[in-house]
C-alpha atoms as a PDB file:
ATOM      1  CA  MET A   1     -39.577  76.085 214.157  1.00  0.00           C
ATOM      2  CA  ALA A   2     -37.141  76.799 211.308  1.00  0.00           C
ATOM      3  CA  THR A   3     -34.035  78.822 212.041  1.00  0.00           C
ATOM      4  CA  LEU A   4     -33.235  81.514 209.506  1.00  0.00           C
ATOM      5  CA  ARG A   5     -29.574  81.789 208.620  1.00  0.00           C
ATOM      6  CA  HIS A   6     -28.090  84.803 206.886  1.00  0.00           C
ATOM      7  CA  PRO A   7     -24.611  84.919 205.349  1.00  0.00           C
ATOM      8  CA  LEU A   8     -22.123  87.324 206.930  1.00  0.00           C
ATOM      9  CA  PRO A   9     -21.986  89.665 203.880  1.00  0.00           C
ATOM     10  CA  GLU A  10     -25.772  90.114 204.096  1.00  0.00           C
ATOM     11  CA  ILE A  11     -25.568  90.924 207.818  1.00  0.00           C
ATOM     12  CA  VAL A  12     -22.731  93.414 207.288  1.00  0.00           C
ATOM     13  CA  HIS A  13     -24.579  95.066 204.390  1.00  0.00           C
ATOM     14  CA  THR A  14     -27.727  95.442 206.497  1.00  0.00           C
ATOM     15  CA  LEU A  15     -25.811  96.865 209.458  1.00  0.00           C
ATOM     16  CA  LYS A  16     -23.907  99.352 207.287  1.00  0.00           C
ATOM     17  CA  SER A  17     -27.028 100.413 205.402  1.00  0.00           C
ATOM     18  CA  PHE A  18     -29.136 100.934 208.521  1.00  0.00           C
ATOM     19  CA  SER A  19     -26.405 102.743 210.459  1.00  0.00           C
ATOM     20  CA  ALA A  20     -25.457 104.973 207.497  1.00  0.00           C
ATOM     21  CA  ARG A  21     -29.071 106.108 207.120  1.00  0.00           C
ATOM     22  CA  ARG A  22     -29.303 106.822 210.845  1.00  0.00           C
ATOM     23  CA  ILE A  23     -25.969 108.677 210.934  1.00  0.00           C
ATOM     24  CA  ASN A  24     -26.962 110.779 207.930  1.00  0.00           C
ATOM     25  CA  ASP A  25     -30.336 111.543 209.543  1.00  0.00           C
ATOM     26  CA  ILE A  26     -28.568 112.779 212.682  1.00  0.00           C
ATOM     27  CA  ARG A  27     -25.997 114.794 210.701  1.00  0.00           C
ATOM     28  CA  GLN A  28     -28.633 115.969 208.196  1.00  0.00           C
ATOM     29  CA  THR A  29     -26.427 114.799 205.319  1.00  0.00           C
ATOM     30  CA  SER A  30     -28.737 112.604 203.249  1.00  0.00           C
ATOM     31  CA  GLY A  31     -26.936 110.158 200.956  1.00  0.00           C
ATOM     32  CA  VAL A  32     -23.380 111.000 202.072  1.00  0.00           C
ATOM     33  CA  PRO A  33     -21.211 107.840 202.260  1.00  0.00           C
ATOM     34  CA  VAL A  34     -20.380 106.789 205.811  1.00  0.00           C
ATOM     35  CA  TRP A  35     -18.662 103.428 205.364  1.00  0.00           C
ATOM     36  CA  GLN A  36     -15.839 102.236 203.165  1.00  0.00           C
ATOM     37  CA  ARG A  37     -17.071 100.301 200.151  1.00  0.00           C
ATOM     38  CA  ASN A  38     -15.547  96.918 200.976  1.00  0.00           C
ATOM     39  CA  TYR A  39     -14.219  95.192 204.048  1.00  0.00           C
ATOM     40  CA  TYR A  40     -11.512  92.643 204.679  1.00  0.00           C
ATOM     41  CA  ASP A  41     -12.311  89.730 206.934  1.00  0.00           C
ATOM     42  CA  ARG A  42     -10.051  87.013 208.222  1.00  0.00           C
ATOM     43  CA  ILE A  43      -9.940  84.249 210.790  1.00  0.00           C
ATOM     44  CA  ILE A  44      -7.600  84.927 213.703  1.00  0.00           C
ATOM     45  CA  HIS A  45      -5.932  81.649 214.592  1.00  0.00           C
ATOM     46  CA  ASP A  46      -4.055  82.334 217.824  1.00  0.00           C
ATOM     47  CA  PRO A  47      -3.224  84.987 220.436  1.00  0.00           C
ATOM     48  CA  ILE A  48      -0.113  86.150 218.565  1.00  0.00           C
ATOM     49  CA  GLU A  49      -2.092  86.837 215.401  1.00  0.00           C
ATOM     50  CA  TYR A  50      -4.755  88.535 217.522  1.00  0.00           C
ATOM     51  CA  GLY A  51      -2.032  90.841 218.886  1.00  0.00           C
ATOM     52  CA  TRP A  52      -0.937  91.790 215.350  1.00  0.00           C
ATOM     53  CA  VAL A  53      -4.485  92.521 214.265  1.00  0.00           C
ATOM     54  CA  HIS A  54      -5.213  94.475 217.445  1.00  0.00           C
ATOM     55  CA  ARG A  55      -2.102  96.649 216.966  1.00  0.00           C
ATOM     56  CA  TYR A  56      -3.019  97.255 213.320  1.00  0.00           C
ATOM     57  CA  ILE A  57      -6.541  98.382 214.259  1.00  0.00           C
ATOM     58  CA  GLU A  58      -5.219 100.596 217.059  1.00  0.00           C
ATOM     59  CA  THR A  59      -2.533 102.304 214.934  1.00  0.00           C
ATOM     60  CA  ASN A  60      -4.114 102.361 211.471  1.00  0.00           C
ATOM     61  CA  PRO A  61      -6.223 105.542 211.956  1.00  0.00           C
ATOM     62  CA  ALA A  62      -2.983 107.497 212.496  1.00  0.00           C
ATOM     63  CA  ASN A  63      -1.776 106.262 209.095  1.00  0.00           C
ATOM     64  CA  GLY A  64      -4.940 107.441 207.343  1.00  0.00           C
ATOM     65  CA  MET A  65      -3.731 111.016 206.982  1.00  0.00           C
ATOM     66  CA  ASN A  66      -0.725 109.733 205.008  1.00  0.00           C
ATOM     67  CA  ASP A  67      -2.915 107.799 202.577  1.00  0.00           C
ATOM     68  CA  SER A  68      -3.274 109.659 199.272  1.00  0.00           C
ATOM     69  CA  ARG A  69      -6.706 108.027 198.820  1.00  0.00           C
ATOM     70  CA  ASN A  70      -8.041 109.522 202.063  1.00  0.00           C
ATOM     71  CA  ALA A  71     -10.809 111.912 201.001  1.00  0.00           C
ATOM     72  CA  GLN A  72     -11.111 113.438 204.488  1.00  0.00           C
ATOM     73  CA  LYS A  73      -7.706 115.089 204.326  1.00  0.00           C
ATOM     74  CA  ARG A  74      -8.647 116.892 201.097  1.00  0.00           C
ATOM     75  CA  LEU A  75     -11.705 118.535 202.694  1.00  0.00           C
END
């Protein structure tokens, strides 16, 4: 039996596409963007780096309102 392998970008694209359609179905907002266009991935090498990344993820949403590119704050 052959094992199918899919590259990470293909998996992420599929997940984002499927979930965006489902979210828009629930919200009744067909075609409205749900996800950011790109993503940044990296390998975390040790517990210290993990701590930095974890803190960034935890605190970054609070910084979003200060970002001039944040479309949500203009709504």
